[in-house]
Amino acid sequence: MRSSKSRSRAKNNRNRPSGGNVVNRVFDSSGPEGKVRGTPQQIIDKYNQLARDAQLSNDRVAAENFQQHAEHYLRLLSEAQREIEARREEQERQNRERQAERDRERAERQEREAARQADPAEAPQPDVMDFGAEASTPESGLVETPESKDSAPAAETPEKKEKPARKPRARKPKAAPVADEAPKTDGDAPEAAE
């Protein structure tokens, strides 16, 4: 069982803002006239209304008390709004930086593409190999093979070779059901005890 001290500490920490969304959070405020429940803006409005009512009834002490309660929630709300605004500005700054980086990368790509189009020598060239009659000359650097001597078309590359079609495997026939053993004759049957 938990002690009453730990329970009371947890209860006291409940109304403190935890850095979350304070603007829309619902608070329970224990004011001089009982509990006031709502968002900070609703509590501020309620305490301001109670302060006006107390002022109209010439109760300066109660009016000041309600105004102090309203001021507390006004500070809480303004601090939360400042944090939200700072977070929003930070996100906008990060977004601008990311967009500027993307724009720079796009400009660099466009410059490279324009340079390639302007100078065809800079563009990547495909590898072209001539397998014609010059292929067997020693200057070409290619080795002479028996296929090139026959002046037959170049041997099929492994990509172009077709695999021989496989025959479908035949299933093993099912064994015929085993018939009862051969009929017994009188000589085979055991003699009955009489």
N, C-alpha and C. Protein backbone atom coordinates (compact mmCIF):
# COMPACT_ATOMS: atom_id res chain seq x y z
N MET A 1 0.84 -1.18 0.00
CA MET A 1 0.00 0.00 0.00
C MET A 1 0.88 1.24 0.00
N ARG A 2 0.49 2.26 -0.78
CA ARG A 2 1.29 3.49 -0.87
C ARG A 2 1.01 4.39 0.33
N SER A 3 2.03 5.12 0.69
CA SER A 3 1.84 6.03 1.82
C SER A 3 1.06 7.26 1.39
N SER A 4 0.50 7.94 2.33
CA SER A 4 -0.30 9.13 2.00
C SER A 4 0.58 10.26 1.49
N LYS A 5 1.87 10.30 1.92
CA LYS A 5 2.76 11.36 1.45
C LYS A 5 2.98 11.25 -0.05
N SER A 6 3.23 10.04 -0.57
CA SER A 6 3.48 9.90 -2.00
C SER A 6 2.23 10.25 -2.80
N ARG A 7 1.06 9.92 -2.24
CA ARG A 7 -0.17 10.27 -2.93
C ARG A 7 -0.36 11.78 -2.97
N SER A 8 -0.07 12.45 -1.87
CA SER A 8 -0.27 13.90 -1.83
C SER A 8 0.74 14.60 -2.73
N ARG A 9 1.98 14.07 -2.82
CA ARG A 9 2.94 14.68 -3.73
C ARG A 9 2.48 14.55 -5.17
N ALA A 10 1.98 13.39 -5.52
CA ALA A 10 1.50 13.18 -6.89
C ALA A 10 0.33 14.10 -7.19
N LYS A 11 -0.51 14.33 -6.21
CA LYS A 11 -1.66 15.20 -6.40
C LYS A 11 -1.21 16.64 -6.62
N ASN A 12 -0.18 17.06 -5.88
CA ASN A 12 0.29 18.45 -6.02
C ASN A 12 0.94 18.69 -7.37
N ASN A 13 1.57 17.68 -7.93
CA ASN A 13 2.25 17.85 -9.21
C ASN A 13 1.29 17.80 -10.39
N ARG A 14 0.07 17.42 -10.14
CA ARG A 14 -0.87 17.20 -11.24
C ARG A 14 -1.22 18.48 -11.99
N ASN A 15 -1.35 19.59 -11.30
CA ASN A 15 -1.79 20.82 -11.96
C ASN A 15 -0.65 21.63 -12.57
N ARG A 16 0.57 21.17 -12.41
CA ARG A 16 1.69 21.92 -12.99
C ARG A 16 1.80 21.59 -14.47
N PRO A 17 2.08 22.60 -15.27
CA PRO A 17 2.22 22.32 -16.70
C PRO A 17 3.46 21.47 -16.94
N SER A 18 3.32 20.46 -17.76
CA SER A 18 4.43 19.55 -18.02
C SER A 18 5.06 19.84 -19.38
N GLY A 19 4.89 21.03 -19.90
CA GLY A 19 5.48 21.37 -21.18
C GLY A 19 4.63 20.89 -22.33
N GLY A 20 3.49 20.30 -22.03
CA GLY A 20 2.60 19.83 -23.08
C GLY A 20 1.78 20.99 -23.63
N ASN A 21 0.64 20.66 -24.16
CA ASN A 21 -0.22 21.68 -24.75
C ASN A 21 -1.03 22.33 -23.64
N VAL A 22 -0.49 23.37 -23.01
CA VAL A 22 -1.14 24.05 -21.89
C VAL A 22 -2.34 24.86 -22.38
N VAL A 23 -2.29 25.33 -23.59
CA VAL A 23 -3.35 26.20 -24.09
C VAL A 23 -4.70 25.48 -24.08
N ASN A 24 -4.73 24.21 -24.44
CA ASN A 24 -5.99 23.47 -24.51
C ASN A 24 -6.19 22.53 -23.32
N ARG A 25 -5.27 22.54 -22.40
CA ARG A 25 -5.37 21.64 -21.25
C ARG A 25 -6.42 22.13 -20.28
N VAL A 26 -7.11 21.22 -19.62
CA VAL A 26 -8.16 21.57 -18.65
C VAL A 26 -7.55 21.56 -17.26
N PHE A 27 -7.74 22.66 -16.54
CA PHE A 27 -7.22 22.81 -15.18
C PHE A 27 -8.36 22.85 -14.19
N ASP A 28 -8.06 22.43 -12.95
CA ASP A 28 -8.98 22.61 -11.83
C ASP A 28 -8.36 23.67 -10.94
N SER A 29 -8.96 24.82 -10.87
CA SER A 29 -8.42 25.90 -10.06
C SER A 29 -9.25 26.02 -8.79
N SER A 30 -8.57 25.97 -7.65
CA SER A 30 -9.26 26.14 -6.37
C SER A 30 -9.18 27.60 -5.98
N GLY A 31 -10.21 28.32 -6.30
CA GLY A 31 -10.25 29.74 -5.97
C GLY A 31 -10.97 29.99 -4.66
N PRO A 32 -11.12 31.25 -4.28
CA PRO A 32 -11.77 31.58 -3.01
C PRO A 32 -13.26 31.19 -2.97
N GLU A 33 -13.88 31.08 -4.10
CA GLU A 33 -15.31 30.75 -4.13
C GLU A 33 -15.54 29.32 -4.59
N GLY A 34 -14.56 28.44 -4.48
CA GLY A 34 -14.71 27.06 -4.90
C GLY A 34 -13.87 26.79 -6.14
N LYS A 35 -14.12 25.62 -6.71
CA LYS A 35 -13.31 25.21 -7.86
C LYS A 35 -13.82 25.83 -9.14
N VAL A 36 -12.85 26.20 -9.98
CA VAL A 36 -13.15 26.67 -11.33
C VAL A 36 -12.42 25.72 -12.26
N ARG A 37 -13.16 25.16 -13.21
CA ARG A 37 -12.57 24.16 -14.10
C ARG A 37 -12.65 24.66 -15.53
N GLY A 38 -11.54 24.44 -16.29
CA GLY A 38 -11.54 24.80 -17.70
C GLY A 38 -10.14 25.02 -18.22
N THR A 39 -10.08 25.48 -19.47
CA THR A 39 -8.78 25.82 -20.06
C THR A 39 -8.31 27.11 -19.43
N PRO A 40 -7.03 27.46 -19.56
CA PRO A 40 -6.55 28.71 -18.96
C PRO A 40 -7.38 29.93 -19.39
N GLN A 41 -7.74 30.01 -20.65
CA GLN A 41 -8.52 31.17 -21.10
C GLN A 41 -9.90 31.20 -20.44
N GLN A 42 -10.54 30.05 -20.29
CA GLN A 42 -11.85 29.99 -19.63
C GLN A 42 -11.74 30.37 -18.16
N ILE A 43 -10.66 29.92 -17.49
CA ILE A 43 -10.47 30.26 -16.08
C ILE A 43 -10.21 31.75 -15.93
N ILE A 44 -9.42 32.31 -16.82
CA ILE A 44 -9.14 33.76 -16.78
C ILE A 44 -10.45 34.54 -16.92
N ASP A 45 -11.27 34.15 -17.90
CA ASP A 45 -12.55 34.84 -18.10
C ASP A 45 -13.44 34.73 -16.87
N LYS A 46 -13.48 33.54 -16.26
CA LYS A 46 -14.32 33.32 -15.09
C LYS A 46 -13.86 34.18 -13.92
N TYR A 47 -12.53 34.20 -13.66
CA TYR A 47 -12.02 35.01 -12.54
C TYR A 47 -12.21 36.50 -12.80
N ASN A 48 -12.05 36.93 -14.05
CA ASN A 48 -12.29 38.35 -14.36
C ASN A 48 -13.76 38.71 -14.11
N GLN A 49 -14.67 37.82 -14.47
CA GLN A 49 -16.09 38.06 -14.22
C GLN A 49 -16.38 38.11 -12.72
N LEU A 50 -15.77 37.18 -11.97
CA LEU A 50 -15.95 37.19 -10.51
C LEU A 50 -15.36 38.47 -9.90
N ALA A 51 -14.22 38.95 -10.43
CA ALA A 51 -13.61 40.19 -9.93
C ALA A 51 -14.53 41.38 -10.19
N ARG A 52 -15.17 41.44 -11.40
CA ARG A 52 -16.11 42.54 -11.70
C ARG A 52 -17.32 42.49 -10.76
N ASP A 53 -17.82 41.28 -10.52
CA ASP A 53 -18.97 41.13 -9.62
C ASP A 53 -18.61 41.60 -8.20
N ALA A 54 -17.38 41.22 -7.74
CA ALA A 54 -16.95 41.63 -6.40
C ALA A 54 -16.76 43.14 -6.33
N GLN A 55 -16.27 43.74 -7.42
CA GLN A 55 -16.09 45.19 -7.46
C GLN A 55 -17.43 45.91 -7.40
N LEU A 56 -18.41 45.38 -8.11
CA LEU A 56 -19.75 45.99 -8.11
C LEU A 56 -20.41 45.89 -6.73
N SER A 57 -20.04 44.85 -5.98
CA SER A 57 -20.60 44.72 -4.64
C SER A 57 -19.71 45.36 -3.59
N ASN A 58 -18.77 46.20 -4.03
CA ASN A 58 -17.85 46.96 -3.15
C ASN A 58 -17.02 46.06 -2.23
N ASP A 59 -16.61 44.89 -2.74
CA ASP A 59 -15.73 43.98 -1.99
C ASP A 59 -14.35 44.02 -2.65
N ARG A 60 -13.54 45.00 -2.20
CA ARG A 60 -12.23 45.20 -2.84
C ARG A 60 -11.30 44.02 -2.63
N VAL A 61 -11.34 43.41 -1.47
CA VAL A 61 -10.44 42.30 -1.16
C VAL A 61 -10.73 41.11 -2.08
N ALA A 62 -12.01 40.75 -2.23
CA ALA A 62 -12.38 39.63 -3.09
C ALA A 62 -12.04 39.94 -4.55
N ALA A 63 -12.26 41.20 -4.97
CA ALA A 63 -11.96 41.60 -6.35
C ALA A 63 -10.46 41.44 -6.62
N GLU A 64 -9.64 41.89 -5.66
CA GLU A 64 -8.18 41.77 -5.83
C GLU A 64 -7.77 40.29 -5.86
N ASN A 65 -8.38 39.49 -5.03
CA ASN A 65 -8.06 38.06 -4.98
C ASN A 65 -8.39 37.39 -6.32
N PHE A 66 -9.57 37.69 -6.86
CA PHE A 66 -9.94 37.11 -8.16
C PHE A 66 -9.02 37.59 -9.28
N GLN A 67 -8.62 38.86 -9.21
CA GLN A 67 -7.72 39.38 -10.23
C GLN A 67 -6.35 38.69 -10.17
N GLN A 68 -5.88 38.40 -8.94
CA GLN A 68 -4.61 37.70 -8.81
C GLN A 68 -4.69 36.28 -9.37
N HIS A 69 -5.83 35.62 -9.12
CA HIS A 69 -6.01 34.28 -9.69
C HIS A 69 -6.03 34.35 -11.22
N ALA A 70 -6.72 35.33 -11.75
CA ALA A 70 -6.78 35.48 -13.21
C ALA A 70 -5.39 35.79 -13.77
N GLU A 71 -4.62 36.62 -13.04
CA GLU A 71 -3.28 36.96 -13.50
C GLU A 71 -2.37 35.73 -13.54
N HIS A 72 -2.52 34.83 -12.57
CA HIS A 72 -1.71 33.61 -12.55
C HIS A 72 -1.95 32.80 -13.84
N TYR A 73 -3.20 32.60 -14.17
CA TYR A 73 -3.50 31.82 -15.38
C TYR A 73 -3.17 32.60 -16.64
N LEU A 74 -3.21 33.90 -16.59
CA LEU A 74 -2.81 34.72 -17.74
C LEU A 74 -1.31 34.55 -17.99
N ARG A 75 -0.52 34.53 -16.94
CA ARG A 75 0.93 34.31 -17.09
C ARG A 75 1.20 32.91 -17.64
N LEU A 76 0.49 31.93 -17.09
CA LEU A 76 0.66 30.56 -17.55
C LEU A 76 0.34 30.45 -19.05
N LEU A 77 -0.75 31.08 -19.46
CA LEU A 77 -1.17 31.03 -20.86
C LEU A 77 -0.18 31.77 -21.77
N SER A 78 0.27 32.94 -21.33
CA SER A 78 1.20 33.70 -22.17
C SER A 78 2.54 32.98 -22.31
N GLU A 79 2.99 32.32 -21.25
CA GLU A 79 4.25 31.54 -21.33
C GLU A 79 4.09 30.38 -22.31
N ALA A 80 2.96 29.69 -22.25
CA ALA A 80 2.71 28.58 -23.17
C ALA A 80 2.66 29.08 -24.61
N GLN A 81 2.02 30.23 -24.82
CA GLN A 81 1.94 30.77 -26.18
C GLN A 81 3.31 31.20 -26.69
N ARG A 82 4.16 31.73 -25.81
CA ARG A 82 5.54 32.09 -26.22
C ARG A 82 6.31 30.84 -26.63
N GLU A 83 6.16 29.76 -25.87
CA GLU A 83 6.84 28.52 -26.22
C GLU A 83 6.35 27.99 -27.56
N ILE A 84 5.04 28.05 -27.77
CA ILE A 84 4.48 27.58 -29.04
C ILE A 84 5.02 28.42 -30.18
N GLU A 85 5.05 29.72 -29.99
CA GLU A 85 5.56 30.62 -31.04
C GLU A 85 7.04 30.35 -31.32
N ALA A 86 7.83 30.14 -30.26
CA ALA A 86 9.26 29.84 -30.46
C ALA A 86 9.44 28.53 -31.22
N ARG A 87 8.65 27.51 -30.87
CA ARG A 87 8.73 26.23 -31.58
C ARG A 87 8.35 26.40 -33.05
N ARG A 88 7.30 27.18 -33.30
CA ARG A 88 6.85 27.40 -34.67
C ARG A 88 7.93 28.12 -35.48
N GLU A 89 8.55 29.14 -34.88
CA GLU A 89 9.61 29.87 -35.58
C GLU A 89 10.82 28.96 -35.86
N GLU A 90 11.15 28.09 -34.90
CA GLU A 90 12.27 27.16 -35.10
C GLU A 90 11.96 26.20 -36.25
N GLN A 91 10.73 25.70 -36.30
CA GLN A 91 10.36 24.80 -37.40
C GLN A 91 10.40 25.53 -38.74
N GLU A 92 9.93 26.77 -38.75
CA GLU A 92 9.97 27.54 -40.00
C GLU A 92 11.41 27.75 -40.45
N ARG A 93 12.29 28.05 -39.50
CA ARG A 93 13.71 28.26 -39.82
C ARG A 93 14.31 26.98 -40.40
N GLN A 94 14.01 25.84 -39.77
CA GLN A 94 14.53 24.56 -40.27
C GLN A 94 13.97 24.26 -41.66
N ASN A 95 12.70 24.56 -41.87
CA ASN A 95 12.10 24.33 -43.18
C ASN A 95 12.75 25.20 -44.25
N ARG A 96 13.03 26.47 -43.90
CA ARG A 96 13.71 27.36 -44.86
C ARG A 96 15.09 26.83 -45.19
N GLU A 97 15.82 26.35 -44.17
CA GLU A 97 17.16 25.81 -44.42
C GLU A 97 17.10 24.58 -45.33
N ARG A 98 16.14 23.69 -45.05
CA ARG A 98 16.00 22.49 -45.89
C ARG A 98 15.64 22.87 -47.32
N GLN A 99 14.75 23.84 -47.47
CA GLN A 99 14.35 24.26 -48.81
C GLN A 99 15.52 24.89 -49.54
N ALA A 100 16.32 25.71 -48.85
CA ALA A 100 17.49 26.32 -49.47
C ALA A 100 18.49 25.24 -49.91
N GLU A 101 18.67 24.21 -49.09
CA GLU A 101 19.58 23.12 -49.45
C GLU A 101 19.06 22.39 -50.69
N ARG A 102 17.75 22.12 -50.72
CA ARG A 102 17.16 21.45 -51.90
C ARG A 102 17.33 22.31 -53.15
N ASP A 103 17.12 23.62 -53.00
CA ASP A 103 17.27 24.52 -54.15
C ASP A 103 18.71 24.51 -54.66
N ARG A 104 19.69 24.52 -53.72
CA ARG A 104 21.09 24.47 -54.11
C ARG A 104 21.40 23.18 -54.87
N GLU A 105 20.93 22.06 -54.33
CA GLU A 105 21.19 20.76 -54.99
C GLU A 105 20.55 20.73 -56.38
N ARG A 106 19.34 21.26 -56.49
CA ARG A 106 18.65 21.27 -57.78
C ARG A 106 19.42 22.14 -58.78
N ALA A 107 19.92 23.31 -58.33
CA ALA A 107 20.69 24.19 -59.20
C ALA A 107 21.97 23.50 -59.66
N GLU A 108 22.65 22.79 -58.74
CA GLU A 108 23.87 22.08 -59.12
C GLU A 108 23.58 21.00 -60.14
N ARG A 109 22.49 20.25 -59.95
CA ARG A 109 22.12 19.21 -60.92
C ARG A 109 21.83 19.83 -62.28
N GLN A 110 21.12 20.95 -62.28
CA GLN A 110 20.79 21.60 -63.55
C GLN A 110 22.05 22.10 -64.24
N GLU A 111 23.00 22.64 -63.47
CA GLU A 111 24.26 23.11 -64.06
C GLU A 111 25.03 21.94 -64.68
N ARG A 112 25.09 20.82 -63.95
CA ARG A 112 25.80 19.66 -64.49
C ARG A 112 25.12 19.15 -65.75
N GLU A 113 23.80 19.11 -65.74
CA GLU A 113 23.05 18.64 -66.91
C GLU A 113 23.28 19.58 -68.09
N ALA A 114 23.29 20.89 -67.84
CA ALA A 114 23.51 21.86 -68.91
C ALA A 114 24.93 21.71 -69.47
N ALA A 115 25.90 21.46 -68.59
CA ALA A 115 27.29 21.28 -69.04
C ALA A 115 27.41 20.02 -69.90
N ARG A 116 26.71 18.96 -69.52
CA ARG A 116 26.75 17.73 -70.31
C ARG A 116 26.13 17.93 -71.68
N GLN A 117 25.04 18.66 -71.73
CA GLN A 117 24.37 18.88 -73.01
C GLN A 117 25.19 19.81 -73.90
N ALA A 118 25.90 20.75 -73.31
CA ALA A 118 26.71 21.68 -74.09
C ALA A 118 27.96 21.00 -74.65
N ASP A 119 28.59 20.12 -73.92
CA ASP A 119 29.81 19.45 -74.35
C ASP A 119 29.55 17.94 -74.41
N PRO A 120 29.29 17.40 -75.60
CA PRO A 120 28.98 15.97 -75.70
C PRO A 120 30.13 15.08 -75.24
N ALA A 121 31.36 15.58 -75.29
CA ALA A 121 32.49 14.76 -74.86
C ALA A 121 32.42 14.50 -73.35
N GLU A 122 31.78 15.41 -72.61
CA GLU A 122 31.66 15.25 -71.16
C GLU A 122 30.59 14.23 -70.80
N ALA A 123 29.65 14.02 -71.71
CA ALA A 123 28.55 13.10 -71.42
C ALA A 123 29.09 11.68 -71.34
N PRO A 124 28.52 10.85 -70.49
CA PRO A 124 28.99 9.46 -70.41
C PRO A 124 28.73 8.74 -71.72
N GLN A 125 29.75 8.04 -72.19
CA GLN A 125 29.66 7.34 -73.47
C GLN A 125 29.45 5.85 -73.23
N PRO A 126 28.63 5.22 -74.05
CA PRO A 126 28.45 3.77 -73.88
C PRO A 126 29.68 3.04 -74.41
N ASP A 127 29.94 1.87 -73.85
CA ASP A 127 31.05 1.05 -74.31
C ASP A 127 30.61 0.32 -75.58
N VAL A 128 31.38 0.52 -76.65
CA VAL A 128 31.05 -0.13 -77.92
C VAL A 128 32.22 -1.02 -78.30
N MET A 129 31.92 -2.26 -78.65
CA MET A 129 32.97 -3.19 -79.08
C MET A 129 32.58 -3.71 -80.45
N ASP A 130 33.55 -3.73 -81.35
CA ASP A 130 33.31 -4.21 -82.70
C ASP A 130 33.78 -5.66 -82.77
N PHE A 131 32.86 -6.58 -83.01
CA PHE A 131 33.21 -7.99 -83.11
C PHE A 131 33.36 -8.42 -84.57
N GLY A 132 33.62 -7.48 -85.45
CA GLY A 132 33.75 -7.78 -86.88
C GLY A 132 35.08 -8.43 -87.19
N ALA A 133 35.56 -8.25 -88.41
CA ALA A 133 36.79 -8.87 -88.91
C ALA A 133 38.00 -8.36 -88.16
N GLU A 134 37.97 -7.15 -87.66
CA GLU A 134 39.13 -6.59 -86.98
C GLU A 134 39.36 -7.24 -85.63
N ALA A 135 38.42 -7.97 -85.15
CA ALA A 135 38.51 -8.52 -83.80
C ALA A 135 39.66 -9.49 -83.66
N SER A 136 40.05 -10.16 -84.74
CA SER A 136 41.11 -11.16 -84.63
C SER A 136 42.48 -10.55 -84.85
N THR A 137 42.57 -9.29 -85.16
CA THR A 137 43.88 -8.69 -85.36
C THR A 137 44.57 -8.52 -84.02
N PRO A 138 45.90 -8.65 -84.00
CA PRO A 138 46.62 -8.57 -82.73
C PRO A 138 46.50 -7.19 -82.08
N GLU A 139 46.26 -6.13 -82.85
CA GLU A 139 46.19 -4.80 -82.26
C GLU A 139 44.94 -4.62 -81.41
N SER A 140 43.92 -5.41 -81.66
CA SER A 140 42.66 -5.19 -80.96
C SER A 140 42.74 -5.62 -79.51
N GLY A 141 43.70 -6.47 -79.17
CA GLY A 141 43.83 -6.90 -77.79
C GLY A 141 42.92 -8.07 -77.46
N LEU A 142 42.19 -8.57 -78.44
CA LEU A 142 41.31 -9.70 -78.19
C LEU A 142 42.03 -10.99 -78.54
N VAL A 143 41.71 -12.05 -77.88
CA VAL A 143 42.33 -13.35 -78.12
C VAL A 143 41.54 -14.07 -79.21
N GLU A 144 42.29 -14.71 -80.11
CA GLU A 144 41.63 -15.43 -81.20
C GLU A 144 41.11 -16.76 -80.67
N THR A 145 39.86 -17.04 -80.96
CA THR A 145 39.24 -18.27 -80.50
C THR A 145 38.82 -19.09 -81.69
N PRO A 146 38.57 -20.39 -81.52
CA PRO A 146 38.17 -21.22 -82.65
C PRO A 146 36.88 -20.71 -83.30
N GLU A 147 35.98 -20.11 -82.53
CA GLU A 147 34.75 -19.62 -83.12
C GLU A 147 35.02 -18.49 -84.10
N SER A 148 36.03 -17.66 -83.79
CA SER A 148 36.31 -16.53 -84.68
C SER A 148 36.97 -17.01 -85.96
N LYS A 149 37.66 -18.16 -85.94
CA LYS A 149 38.29 -18.69 -87.14
C LYS A 149 37.25 -19.19 -88.12
N ASP A 150 36.18 -19.76 -87.59
CA ASP A 150 35.15 -20.30 -88.46
C ASP A 150 34.34 -19.19 -89.11
N SER A 151 34.57 -18.00 -88.77
CA SER A 151 33.82 -16.82 -89.23
C SER A 151 32.32 -17.03 -89.06
N ALA A 152 32.01 -17.82 -88.06
CA ALA A 152 30.60 -18.01 -87.71
C ALA A 152 30.20 -16.88 -86.77
N PRO A 153 28.93 -16.66 -86.64
CA PRO A 153 28.53 -15.60 -85.72
C PRO A 153 29.05 -15.92 -84.32
N ALA A 154 29.21 -14.89 -83.54
CA ALA A 154 29.76 -15.05 -82.19
C ALA A 154 28.90 -16.04 -81.41
N ALA A 155 29.58 -16.79 -80.56
CA ALA A 155 28.86 -17.78 -79.76
C ALA A 155 27.80 -17.08 -78.92
N GLU A 156 26.77 -17.83 -78.68
CA GLU A 156 25.69 -17.23 -77.90
C GLU A 156 26.19 -16.94 -76.49
N THR A 157 25.80 -15.80 -76.01
CA THR A 157 26.18 -15.46 -74.65
C THR A 157 25.27 -16.22 -73.70
N PRO A 158 25.71 -16.38 -72.47
CA PRO A 158 24.89 -17.14 -71.51
C PRO A 158 23.50 -16.54 -71.35
N GLU A 159 23.36 -15.20 -71.53
CA GLU A 159 22.03 -14.60 -71.37
C GLU A 159 21.09 -15.07 -72.47
N LYS A 160 21.65 -15.31 -73.68
CA LYS A 160 20.80 -15.63 -74.82
C LYS A 160 20.52 -17.12 -74.93
N LYS A 161 21.33 -17.97 -74.26
CA LYS A 161 21.13 -19.40 -74.37
C LYS A 161 19.80 -19.77 -73.75
N GLU A 162 19.13 -20.66 -74.42
CA GLU A 162 17.88 -21.14 -73.86
C GLU A 162 18.16 -22.42 -73.10
N LYS A 163 17.52 -22.56 -71.99
CA LYS A 163 17.68 -23.78 -71.23
C LYS A 163 16.81 -24.84 -71.86
N PRO A 164 17.30 -26.08 -71.91
CA PRO A 164 16.45 -27.14 -72.48
C PRO A 164 15.24 -27.34 -71.59
N ALA A 165 14.13 -27.60 -72.23
CA ALA A 165 12.90 -27.78 -71.48
C ALA A 165 13.00 -29.06 -70.67
N ARG A 166 12.58 -28.98 -69.44
CA ARG A 166 12.63 -30.16 -68.58
C ARG A 166 11.37 -30.97 -68.77
N LYS A 167 11.55 -32.25 -68.74
CA LYS A 167 10.39 -33.12 -68.84
C LYS A 167 9.70 -33.13 -67.48
N PRO A 168 8.39 -33.13 -67.51
CA PRO A 168 7.72 -33.19 -66.20
C PRO A 168 7.97 -34.56 -65.56
N ARG A 169 8.18 -34.54 -64.30
CA ARG A 169 8.44 -35.80 -63.59
C ARG A 169 7.16 -36.60 -63.48
N ALA A 170 7.27 -37.87 -63.78
CA ALA A 170 6.10 -38.74 -63.67
C ALA A 170 5.97 -39.17 -62.22
N ARG A 171 4.78 -39.27 -61.78
CA ARG A 171 4.56 -39.70 -60.40
C ARG A 171 4.68 -41.21 -60.33
N LYS A 172 5.09 -41.65 -59.18
CA LYS A 172 5.18 -43.09 -58.99
C LYS A 172 3.76 -43.63 -58.89
N PRO A 173 3.51 -44.75 -59.52
CA PRO A 173 2.15 -45.31 -59.41
C PRO A 173 1.90 -45.77 -57.98
N LYS A 174 0.67 -45.61 -57.55
CA LYS A 174 0.32 -46.05 -56.21
C LYS A 174 0.34 -47.56 -56.17
N ALA A 175 0.75 -48.08 -55.08
CA ALA A 175 0.79 -49.54 -54.93
C ALA A 175 -0.64 -50.06 -54.91
N ALA A 176 -0.84 -51.18 -55.59
CA ALA A 176 -2.18 -51.77 -55.61
C ALA A 176 -2.53 -52.22 -54.21
N PRO A 177 -3.80 -52.10 -53.86
CA PRO A 177 -4.16 -52.51 -52.50
C PRO A 177 -3.81 -53.99 -52.28
N VAL A 178 -3.27 -54.27 -51.14
CA VAL A 178 -2.84 -55.64 -50.84
C VAL A 178 -4.09 -56.45 -50.54
N ALA A 179 -4.28 -57.48 -51.35
CA ALA A 179 -5.43 -58.35 -51.12
C ALA A 179 -5.11 -59.24 -49.95
N ASP A 180 -6.17 -59.73 -49.32
CA ASP A 180 -5.93 -60.65 -48.21
C ASP A 180 -5.04 -61.78 -48.70
N GLU A 181 -4.37 -62.40 -47.79
CA GLU A 181 -3.46 -63.45 -48.19
C GLU A 181 -4.23 -64.54 -48.96
N ALA A 182 -3.50 -65.35 -49.63
CA ALA A 182 -4.12 -66.41 -50.44
C ALA A 182 -5.05 -67.25 -49.57
N PRO A 183 -6.11 -67.76 -50.18
CA PRO A 183 -7.06 -68.55 -49.36
C PRO A 183 -6.35 -69.73 -48.71
N LYS A 184 -6.73 -69.95 -47.49
CA LYS A 184 -6.10 -71.01 -46.73
C LYS A 184 -6.75 -72.34 -47.07
N THR A 185 -5.94 -73.27 -47.12
CA THR A 185 -6.45 -74.62 -47.36
C THR A 185 -6.52 -75.35 -46.02
N ASP A 186 -7.14 -76.51 -46.03
CA ASP A 186 -7.30 -77.24 -44.78
C ASP A 186 -5.94 -77.62 -44.19
N GLY A 187 -4.99 -77.82 -45.02
CA GLY A 187 -3.67 -78.23 -44.54
C GLY A 187 -2.95 -77.08 -43.86
N ASP A 188 -3.27 -75.89 -44.27
CA ASP A 188 -2.59 -74.73 -43.70
C ASP A 188 -3.24 -74.27 -42.41
N ALA A 189 -4.54 -74.54 -42.26
CA ALA A 189 -5.28 -74.01 -41.11
C ALA A 189 -4.86 -74.73 -39.85
N PRO A 190 -4.75 -74.02 -38.77
CA PRO A 190 -4.42 -74.68 -37.51
C PRO A 190 -5.58 -75.58 -37.07
N GLU A 191 -5.23 -76.62 -36.44
CA GLU A 191 -6.27 -77.56 -36.02
C GLU A 191 -6.98 -77.02 -34.81
N ALA A 192 -8.28 -77.13 -34.85
CA ALA A 192 -9.07 -76.64 -33.74
C ALA A 192 -9.01 -77.65 -32.61
N ALA A 193 -8.95 -77.11 -31.43
CA ALA A 193 -8.91 -77.98 -30.29
C ALA A 193 -10.29 -78.53 -30.01
N GLU A 194 -10.35 -79.82 -29.88
CA GLU A 194 -11.68 -80.42 -29.66
C GLU A 194 -11.87 -80.88 -28.29
